[in-house]
């Protein structure tokens, strides 16, 4: 499987197994390939090593808590002490703050713009957030 991230390939195969528009033959092939990879079509998906919807000892969803820490880093009204604490928590969970090796500034900006453009088309994003996305894209030449 050189050149492909096995987790992403497995995620695609799992999606195919559960997609009602995929033929039974294709679903069987996907299940066979998952079995060869040592995965199951019914395993829980994960984000950064945490099962989606998993909770910590206090009943809070782990990914949402980490998302809150990530938001803290970008909130201009947050103290430096709070940002330092958030960075420590995220680093302990394996979050990387530097751009991956080989990703240029242009590529990074392209990805950021793509995220804001996706927010504009997402029905679950508030109008306030969509307005922020529009403003950001106008400032950074994304619209």
N, C-alpha and C. Protein backbone atom coordinates (compact mmCIF):
# COMPACT_ATOMS: atom_id res chain seq x y z
N UNK A 1 0.81 -1.18 0.00
CA UNK A 1 0.00 0.00 0.00
C UNK A 1 0.86 1.26 0.00
N UNK A 2 1.97 1.22 -0.66
CA UNK A 2 2.89 2.34 -0.65
C UNK A 2 2.23 3.59 -1.23
N UNK A 3 2.52 4.74 -0.60
CA UNK A 3 1.97 5.99 -1.08
C UNK A 3 0.58 6.31 -0.54
N UNK A 4 -0.03 5.38 0.17
CA UNK A 4 -1.37 5.63 0.70
C UNK A 4 -1.36 5.48 2.21
N UNK A 5 -2.11 6.32 2.88
CA UNK A 5 -2.26 6.22 4.32
C UNK A 5 -3.28 5.10 4.59
N UNK A 6 -2.84 4.05 5.28
CA UNK A 6 -3.70 2.88 5.50
C UNK A 6 -5.00 3.24 6.22
N UNK A 7 -4.95 4.20 7.15
CA UNK A 7 -6.16 4.58 7.87
C UNK A 7 -7.19 5.20 6.92
N UNK A 8 -6.69 6.00 5.98
CA UNK A 8 -7.61 6.63 5.02
C UNK A 8 -8.19 5.61 4.05
N UNK A 9 -7.35 4.68 3.62
CA UNK A 9 -7.83 3.62 2.73
C UNK A 9 -8.89 2.81 3.45
N UNK A 10 -8.62 2.44 4.71
CA UNK A 10 -9.59 1.66 5.48
C UNK A 10 -10.89 2.46 5.66
N UNK A 11 -10.77 3.76 5.91
CA UNK A 11 -11.97 4.59 6.07
C UNK A 11 -12.80 4.60 4.79
N UNK A 12 -12.13 4.68 3.64
CA UNK A 12 -12.84 4.65 2.36
C UNK A 12 -13.53 3.32 2.12
N UNK A 13 -12.85 2.24 2.48
CA UNK A 13 -13.46 0.91 2.33
C UNK A 13 -14.66 0.74 3.25
N UNK A 14 -14.53 1.23 4.49
CA UNK A 14 -15.66 1.15 5.43
C UNK A 14 -16.84 1.96 4.92
N UNK A 15 -16.55 3.12 4.35
CA UNK A 15 -17.62 3.94 3.79
C UNK A 15 -18.32 3.21 2.65
N UNK A 16 -17.55 2.53 1.82
CA UNK A 16 -18.14 1.78 0.70
C UNK A 16 -19.05 0.67 1.22
N UNK A 17 -18.64 0.00 2.28
CA UNK A 17 -19.44 -1.10 2.85
C UNK A 17 -20.80 -0.59 3.33
N UNK A 18 -20.83 0.63 3.85
CA UNK A 18 -22.06 1.17 4.42
C UNK A 18 -22.86 2.06 3.46
N UNK A 19 -22.35 2.26 2.25
CA UNK A 19 -23.01 3.14 1.28
C UNK A 19 -24.09 2.37 0.54
N UNK A 20 -25.34 2.83 0.60
CA UNK A 20 -26.43 2.11 -0.08
C UNK A 20 -26.33 2.15 -1.60
N UNK A 21 -25.51 3.01 -2.16
CA UNK A 21 -25.38 3.13 -3.61
C UNK A 21 -24.26 2.26 -4.17
N UNK A 22 -23.60 1.51 -3.32
CA UNK A 22 -22.50 0.63 -3.75
C UNK A 22 -23.07 -0.78 -3.95
N UNK A 23 -22.65 -1.44 -5.03
CA UNK A 23 -23.16 -2.79 -5.33
C UNK A 23 -22.72 -3.78 -4.26
N UNK A 24 -23.46 -4.87 -4.15
CA UNK A 24 -23.12 -5.91 -3.17
C UNK A 24 -21.75 -6.51 -3.48
N UNK A 25 -21.44 -6.66 -4.75
CA UNK A 25 -20.14 -7.21 -5.15
C UNK A 25 -19.01 -6.29 -4.66
N UNK A 26 -19.17 -4.98 -4.84
CA UNK A 26 -18.15 -4.03 -4.40
C UNK A 26 -18.03 -4.03 -2.87
N UNK A 27 -19.18 -4.17 -2.20
CA UNK A 27 -19.15 -4.22 -0.72
C UNK A 27 -18.39 -5.45 -0.25
N UNK A 28 -18.60 -6.58 -0.91
CA UNK A 28 -17.89 -7.81 -0.55
C UNK A 28 -16.39 -7.64 -0.76
N UNK A 29 -15.99 -7.03 -1.89
CA UNK A 29 -14.56 -6.81 -2.15
C UNK A 29 -13.96 -5.88 -1.09
N UNK A 30 -14.72 -4.86 -0.71
CA UNK A 30 -14.23 -3.93 0.31
C UNK A 30 -14.05 -4.64 1.65
N UNK A 31 -15.01 -5.50 2.00
CA UNK A 31 -14.90 -6.24 3.26
C UNK A 31 -13.71 -7.19 3.22
N UNK A 32 -13.47 -7.84 2.07
CA UNK A 32 -12.31 -8.73 1.94
C UNK A 32 -11.01 -7.96 2.10
N UNK A 33 -10.95 -6.79 1.49
CA UNK A 33 -9.73 -5.98 1.59
C UNK A 33 -9.51 -5.49 3.01
N UNK A 34 -10.61 -5.13 3.69
CA UNK A 34 -10.49 -4.72 5.09
C UNK A 34 -9.96 -5.88 5.94
N UNK A 35 -10.46 -7.08 5.66
CA UNK A 35 -9.99 -8.25 6.41
C UNK A 35 -8.51 -8.48 6.17
N UNK A 36 -8.04 -8.29 4.93
CA UNK A 36 -6.62 -8.43 4.62
C UNK A 36 -5.79 -7.40 5.37
N UNK A 37 -6.37 -6.23 5.59
CA UNK A 37 -5.67 -5.17 6.30
C UNK A 37 -5.74 -5.36 7.81
N UNK A 38 -6.56 -6.31 8.25
CA UNK A 38 -6.71 -6.53 9.68
C UNK A 38 -7.71 -5.60 10.32
N UNK A 39 -8.61 -5.04 9.53
CA UNK A 39 -9.62 -4.11 10.04
C UNK A 39 -11.00 -4.70 9.83
N UNK A 40 -11.97 -4.09 10.46
CA UNK A 40 -13.35 -4.53 10.34
C UNK A 40 -14.20 -3.37 9.85
N UNK A 41 -15.25 -3.68 9.13
CA UNK A 41 -16.14 -2.63 8.63
C UNK A 41 -16.95 -2.01 9.76
N UNK A 42 -16.95 -2.63 10.92
CA UNK A 42 -17.78 -2.16 12.03
C UNK A 42 -16.98 -1.52 13.15
N UNK A 43 -15.66 -1.33 12.96
CA UNK A 43 -14.86 -0.66 13.98
C UNK A 43 -15.27 0.79 14.06
N UNK A 44 -15.10 1.39 15.24
CA UNK A 44 -15.43 2.79 15.45
C UNK A 44 -14.37 3.66 14.79
N UNK A 45 -14.81 4.73 14.12
CA UNK A 45 -13.85 5.64 13.51
C UNK A 45 -13.18 6.45 14.62
N UNK A 46 -11.97 6.91 14.35
CA UNK A 46 -11.24 7.65 15.36
C UNK A 46 -10.70 8.94 14.79
N UNK A 47 -10.44 9.88 15.67
CA UNK A 47 -9.79 11.13 15.33
C UNK A 47 -8.65 11.30 16.30
N UNK A 48 -7.43 11.38 15.79
CA UNK A 48 -6.23 11.53 16.62
C UNK A 48 -6.19 10.50 17.73
N UNK A 49 -6.60 9.29 17.44
CA UNK A 49 -6.50 8.22 18.42
C UNK A 49 -7.66 8.12 19.37
N UNK A 50 -8.63 9.00 19.27
CA UNK A 50 -9.80 8.96 20.14
C UNK A 50 -11.00 8.52 19.32
N UNK A 51 -11.75 7.56 19.82
CA UNK A 51 -12.96 7.15 19.12
C UNK A 51 -13.92 8.32 19.07
N UNK A 52 -14.54 8.53 17.90
CA UNK A 52 -15.49 9.61 17.76
C UNK A 52 -16.62 9.38 18.76
N UNK A 53 -16.90 10.41 19.56
CA UNK A 53 -17.94 10.30 20.58
C UNK A 53 -17.44 9.72 21.89
N UNK A 54 -16.13 9.36 21.97
CA UNK A 54 -15.61 8.82 23.22
C UNK A 54 -15.60 9.92 24.28
N UNK A 55 -15.71 9.52 25.53
CA UNK A 55 -15.77 10.50 26.61
C UNK A 55 -14.61 10.32 27.57
N UNK A 56 -14.29 11.41 28.25
CA UNK A 56 -13.26 11.33 29.28
C UNK A 56 -13.92 10.92 30.59
N UNK A 57 -13.18 10.95 31.68
CA UNK A 57 -13.71 10.51 32.98
C UNK A 57 -14.86 11.34 33.50
N UNK A 58 -15.02 12.57 32.95
CA UNK A 58 -16.10 13.45 33.43
C UNK A 58 -17.32 13.42 32.52
N UNK A 59 -17.28 12.59 31.48
CA UNK A 59 -18.42 12.49 30.58
C UNK A 59 -18.36 13.44 29.40
N UNK A 60 -17.30 14.21 29.26
CA UNK A 60 -17.16 15.13 28.13
C UNK A 60 -16.57 14.40 26.93
N UNK A 61 -17.06 14.72 25.74
CA UNK A 61 -16.54 14.11 24.52
C UNK A 61 -15.11 14.61 24.29
N UNK A 62 -14.18 13.69 24.21
CA UNK A 62 -12.75 14.01 24.13
C UNK A 62 -12.44 14.93 22.95
N UNK A 63 -12.96 14.63 21.78
CA UNK A 63 -12.65 15.44 20.60
C UNK A 63 -13.19 16.86 20.72
N UNK A 64 -14.31 17.01 21.39
CA UNK A 64 -14.86 18.36 21.58
C UNK A 64 -14.02 19.14 22.58
N UNK A 65 -13.54 18.48 23.61
CA UNK A 65 -12.68 19.13 24.59
C UNK A 65 -11.40 19.60 23.90
N UNK A 66 -10.80 18.73 23.10
CA UNK A 66 -9.58 19.11 22.39
C UNK A 66 -9.85 20.23 21.40
N UNK A 67 -11.01 20.21 20.78
CA UNK A 67 -11.39 21.30 19.88
C UNK A 67 -11.50 22.62 20.61
N UNK A 68 -11.96 22.57 21.85
CA UNK A 68 -12.03 23.79 22.66
C UNK A 68 -10.64 24.33 22.95
N UNK A 69 -9.70 23.44 23.25
CA UNK A 69 -8.32 23.89 23.48
C UNK A 69 -7.74 24.49 22.21
N UNK A 70 -8.05 23.89 21.07
CA UNK A 70 -7.56 24.41 19.80
C UNK A 70 -8.13 25.81 19.54
N UNK A 71 -9.40 26.00 19.86
CA UNK A 71 -10.03 27.31 19.68
C UNK A 71 -9.39 28.34 20.60
N UNK A 72 -8.99 27.91 21.79
CA UNK A 72 -8.34 28.81 22.74
C UNK A 72 -7.09 29.43 22.15
N UNK A 73 -6.36 28.66 21.38
CA UNK A 73 -5.12 29.16 20.79
C UNK A 73 -5.36 30.31 19.82
N UNK A 74 -6.53 30.34 19.20
CA UNK A 74 -6.81 31.34 18.16
C UNK A 74 -7.72 32.46 18.64
N UNK A 75 -8.10 32.43 19.91
CA UNK A 75 -9.00 33.45 20.45
C UNK A 75 -8.18 34.64 20.95
N UNK A 76 -8.36 35.82 20.36
CA UNK A 76 -7.56 36.97 20.77
C UNK A 76 -7.88 37.45 22.20
N UNK A 77 -9.00 37.03 22.75
CA UNK A 77 -9.37 37.45 24.10
C UNK A 77 -8.87 36.49 25.17
N UNK A 78 -8.13 35.48 24.78
CA UNK A 78 -7.61 34.49 25.72
C UNK A 78 -6.23 34.91 26.20
N UNK A 79 -5.98 34.74 27.50
CA UNK A 79 -4.68 35.12 28.07
C UNK A 79 -3.57 34.22 27.54
N UNK A 80 -2.35 34.72 27.63
CA UNK A 80 -1.19 33.93 27.20
C UNK A 80 -1.05 32.68 28.06
N UNK A 81 -1.38 32.80 29.33
CA UNK A 81 -1.31 31.65 30.24
C UNK A 81 -2.27 30.55 29.79
N UNK A 82 -3.49 30.93 29.41
CA UNK A 82 -4.47 29.95 28.94
C UNK A 82 -4.01 29.32 27.62
N UNK A 83 -3.42 30.12 26.76
CA UNK A 83 -2.91 29.59 25.49
C UNK A 83 -1.77 28.61 25.73
N UNK A 84 -0.89 28.93 26.67
CA UNK A 84 0.22 28.03 27.01
C UNK A 84 -0.32 26.69 27.51
N UNK A 85 -1.34 26.77 28.38
CA UNK A 85 -1.96 25.55 28.92
C UNK A 85 -2.60 24.73 27.79
N UNK A 86 -3.33 25.39 26.90
CA UNK A 86 -3.98 24.70 25.78
C UNK A 86 -2.95 24.02 24.90
N UNK A 87 -1.84 24.71 24.64
CA UNK A 87 -0.77 24.14 23.81
C UNK A 87 -0.20 22.90 24.47
N UNK A 88 0.01 22.93 25.79
CA UNK A 88 0.54 21.77 26.53
C UNK A 88 -0.39 20.57 26.40
N UNK A 89 -1.69 20.81 26.57
CA UNK A 89 -2.67 19.73 26.49
C UNK A 89 -2.67 19.13 25.09
N UNK A 90 -2.69 19.99 24.08
CA UNK A 90 -2.73 19.51 22.70
C UNK A 90 -1.44 18.78 22.32
N UNK A 91 -0.30 19.29 22.75
CA UNK A 91 0.97 18.61 22.46
C UNK A 91 1.00 17.23 23.11
N UNK A 92 0.47 17.13 24.34
CA UNK A 92 0.43 15.84 25.03
C UNK A 92 -0.44 14.84 24.28
N UNK A 93 -1.41 15.34 23.53
CA UNK A 93 -2.28 14.46 22.75
C UNK A 93 -1.72 14.18 21.35
N UNK A 94 -0.58 14.77 21.03
CA UNK A 94 0.04 14.50 19.75
C UNK A 94 -0.25 15.52 18.67
N UNK A 95 -0.88 16.64 19.01
CA UNK A 95 -1.18 17.68 18.03
C UNK A 95 0.12 18.36 17.62
N UNK A 96 0.30 18.58 16.32
CA UNK A 96 1.49 19.25 15.80
C UNK A 96 1.16 20.68 15.41
N UNK A 97 2.00 21.62 15.82
CA UNK A 97 1.75 23.02 15.53
C UNK A 97 2.46 23.50 14.28
N UNK A 98 3.51 22.80 13.90
CA UNK A 98 4.24 23.19 12.71
C UNK A 98 3.59 22.55 11.48
N UNK A 99 3.74 23.22 10.37
CA UNK A 99 3.24 22.70 9.11
C UNK A 99 3.99 21.42 8.77
N UNK A 100 3.31 20.42 8.23
CA UNK A 100 3.99 19.18 7.84
C UNK A 100 5.12 19.47 6.85
N UNK A 101 6.15 18.66 6.93
CA UNK A 101 7.30 18.82 6.05
C UNK A 101 6.86 18.73 4.59
N UNK A 102 7.35 19.65 3.78
CA UNK A 102 7.04 19.62 2.35
C UNK A 102 5.82 20.44 1.97
N UNK A 103 5.11 21.02 2.94
CA UNK A 103 3.93 21.83 2.64
C UNK A 103 4.38 23.29 2.60
N UNK A 104 4.26 23.91 1.44
CA UNK A 104 4.68 25.29 1.27
C UNK A 104 3.65 26.24 1.88
N UNK A 105 4.05 27.50 2.02
CA UNK A 105 3.14 28.52 2.54
C UNK A 105 1.92 28.66 1.61
N UNK A 106 2.16 28.60 0.29
CA UNK A 106 1.06 28.70 -0.68
C UNK A 106 0.08 27.54 -0.51
N UNK A 107 0.61 26.33 -0.34
CA UNK A 107 -0.25 25.15 -0.15
C UNK A 107 -1.04 25.27 1.14
N UNK A 108 -0.37 25.75 2.18
CA UNK A 108 -1.05 25.94 3.47
C UNK A 108 -2.21 26.93 3.31
N UNK A 109 -1.93 28.07 2.67
CA UNK A 109 -2.97 29.08 2.48
C UNK A 109 -4.11 28.53 1.63
N UNK A 110 -3.78 27.72 0.64
CA UNK A 110 -4.80 27.10 -0.21
C UNK A 110 -5.72 26.20 0.64
N UNK A 111 -5.13 25.45 1.57
CA UNK A 111 -5.92 24.57 2.44
C UNK A 111 -6.79 25.37 3.40
N UNK A 112 -6.23 26.46 3.93
CA UNK A 112 -7.02 27.31 4.83
C UNK A 112 -8.21 27.89 4.08
N UNK A 113 -7.95 28.42 2.89
CA UNK A 113 -9.04 28.98 2.07
C UNK A 113 -10.09 27.92 1.76
N UNK A 114 -9.64 26.71 1.46
CA UNK A 114 -10.59 25.62 1.16
C UNK A 114 -11.48 25.34 2.36
N UNK A 115 -10.92 25.40 3.54
CA UNK A 115 -11.72 25.18 4.75
C UNK A 115 -12.79 26.25 4.92
N UNK A 116 -12.40 27.51 4.69
CA UNK A 116 -13.38 28.59 4.79
C UNK A 116 -14.44 28.48 3.71
N UNK A 117 -14.04 28.09 2.50
CA UNK A 117 -15.02 27.91 1.42
C UNK A 117 -16.00 26.78 1.76
N UNK A 118 -15.48 25.72 2.36
CA UNK A 118 -16.36 24.62 2.76
C UNK A 118 -17.36 25.09 3.82
N UNK A 119 -16.91 25.95 4.72
CA UNK A 119 -17.81 26.47 5.76
C UNK A 119 -18.97 27.25 5.13
N UNK A 120 -18.70 27.96 4.04
CA UNK A 120 -19.76 28.74 3.38
C UNK A 120 -20.88 27.85 2.85
N UNK A 121 -20.55 26.61 2.50
CA UNK A 121 -21.54 25.70 1.92
C UNK A 121 -22.08 24.68 2.92
N UNK A 122 -21.66 24.77 4.15
CA UNK A 122 -22.08 23.80 5.16
C UNK A 122 -23.34 24.32 5.87
N UNK A 123 -24.45 23.60 5.79
CA UNK A 123 -25.69 24.07 6.42
C UNK A 123 -25.61 24.10 7.95
N UNK A 124 -24.64 23.42 8.54
CA UNK A 124 -24.52 23.40 10.00
C UNK A 124 -23.67 24.55 10.54
N UNK A 125 -23.16 25.40 9.65
CA UNK A 125 -22.35 26.54 10.07
C UNK A 125 -23.26 27.75 10.22
N UNK A 126 -23.09 28.48 11.33
CA UNK A 126 -23.93 29.64 11.61
C UNK A 126 -23.68 30.76 10.60
N UNK A 127 -24.65 31.66 10.48
CA UNK A 127 -24.49 32.81 9.58
C UNK A 127 -23.33 33.68 10.02
N UNK A 128 -23.14 33.80 11.33
CA UNK A 128 -22.03 34.59 11.86
C UNK A 128 -20.69 34.00 11.41
N UNK A 129 -20.56 32.70 11.49
CA UNK A 129 -19.32 32.03 11.07
C UNK A 129 -19.14 32.15 9.56
N UNK A 130 -20.24 32.06 8.81
CA UNK A 130 -20.15 32.21 7.36
C UNK A 130 -19.69 33.62 6.99
N UNK A 131 -20.19 34.61 7.73
CA UNK A 131 -19.77 36.00 7.47
C UNK A 131 -18.28 36.15 7.76
N UNK A 132 -17.81 35.54 8.84
CA UNK A 132 -16.38 35.58 9.16
C UNK A 132 -15.57 34.93 8.03
N UNK A 133 -16.06 33.81 7.52
CA UNK A 133 -15.37 33.10 6.43
C UNK A 133 -15.30 33.99 5.19
N UNK A 134 -16.41 34.67 4.87
CA UNK A 134 -16.43 35.57 3.70
C UNK A 134 -15.39 36.68 3.88
N UNK A 135 -15.36 37.28 5.08
CA UNK A 135 -14.42 38.36 5.35
C UNK A 135 -12.98 37.87 5.22
N UNK A 136 -12.70 36.71 5.80
CA UNK A 136 -11.35 36.15 5.73
C UNK A 136 -10.95 35.91 4.28
N UNK A 137 -11.85 35.30 3.51
CA UNK A 137 -11.55 34.99 2.11
C UNK A 137 -11.34 36.27 1.29
N UNK A 138 -12.11 37.31 1.58
CA UNK A 138 -11.92 38.58 0.86
C UNK A 138 -10.57 39.21 1.20
N UNK A 139 -10.19 39.14 2.48
CA UNK A 139 -8.91 39.70 2.92
C UNK A 139 -7.72 38.95 2.32
N UNK A 140 -7.90 37.64 2.10
CA UNK A 140 -6.79 36.80 1.66
C UNK A 140 -6.91 36.35 0.21
N UNK A 141 -7.74 37.03 -0.55
CA UNK A 141 -7.85 36.76 -1.98
C UNK A 141 -8.44 35.40 -2.32
N UNK A 142 -9.28 34.89 -1.44
CA UNK A 142 -9.87 33.58 -1.68
C UNK A 142 -11.22 33.60 -2.37
N UNK A 143 -11.79 34.79 -2.53
CA UNK A 143 -13.10 34.90 -3.21
C UNK A 143 -12.96 35.58 -4.54
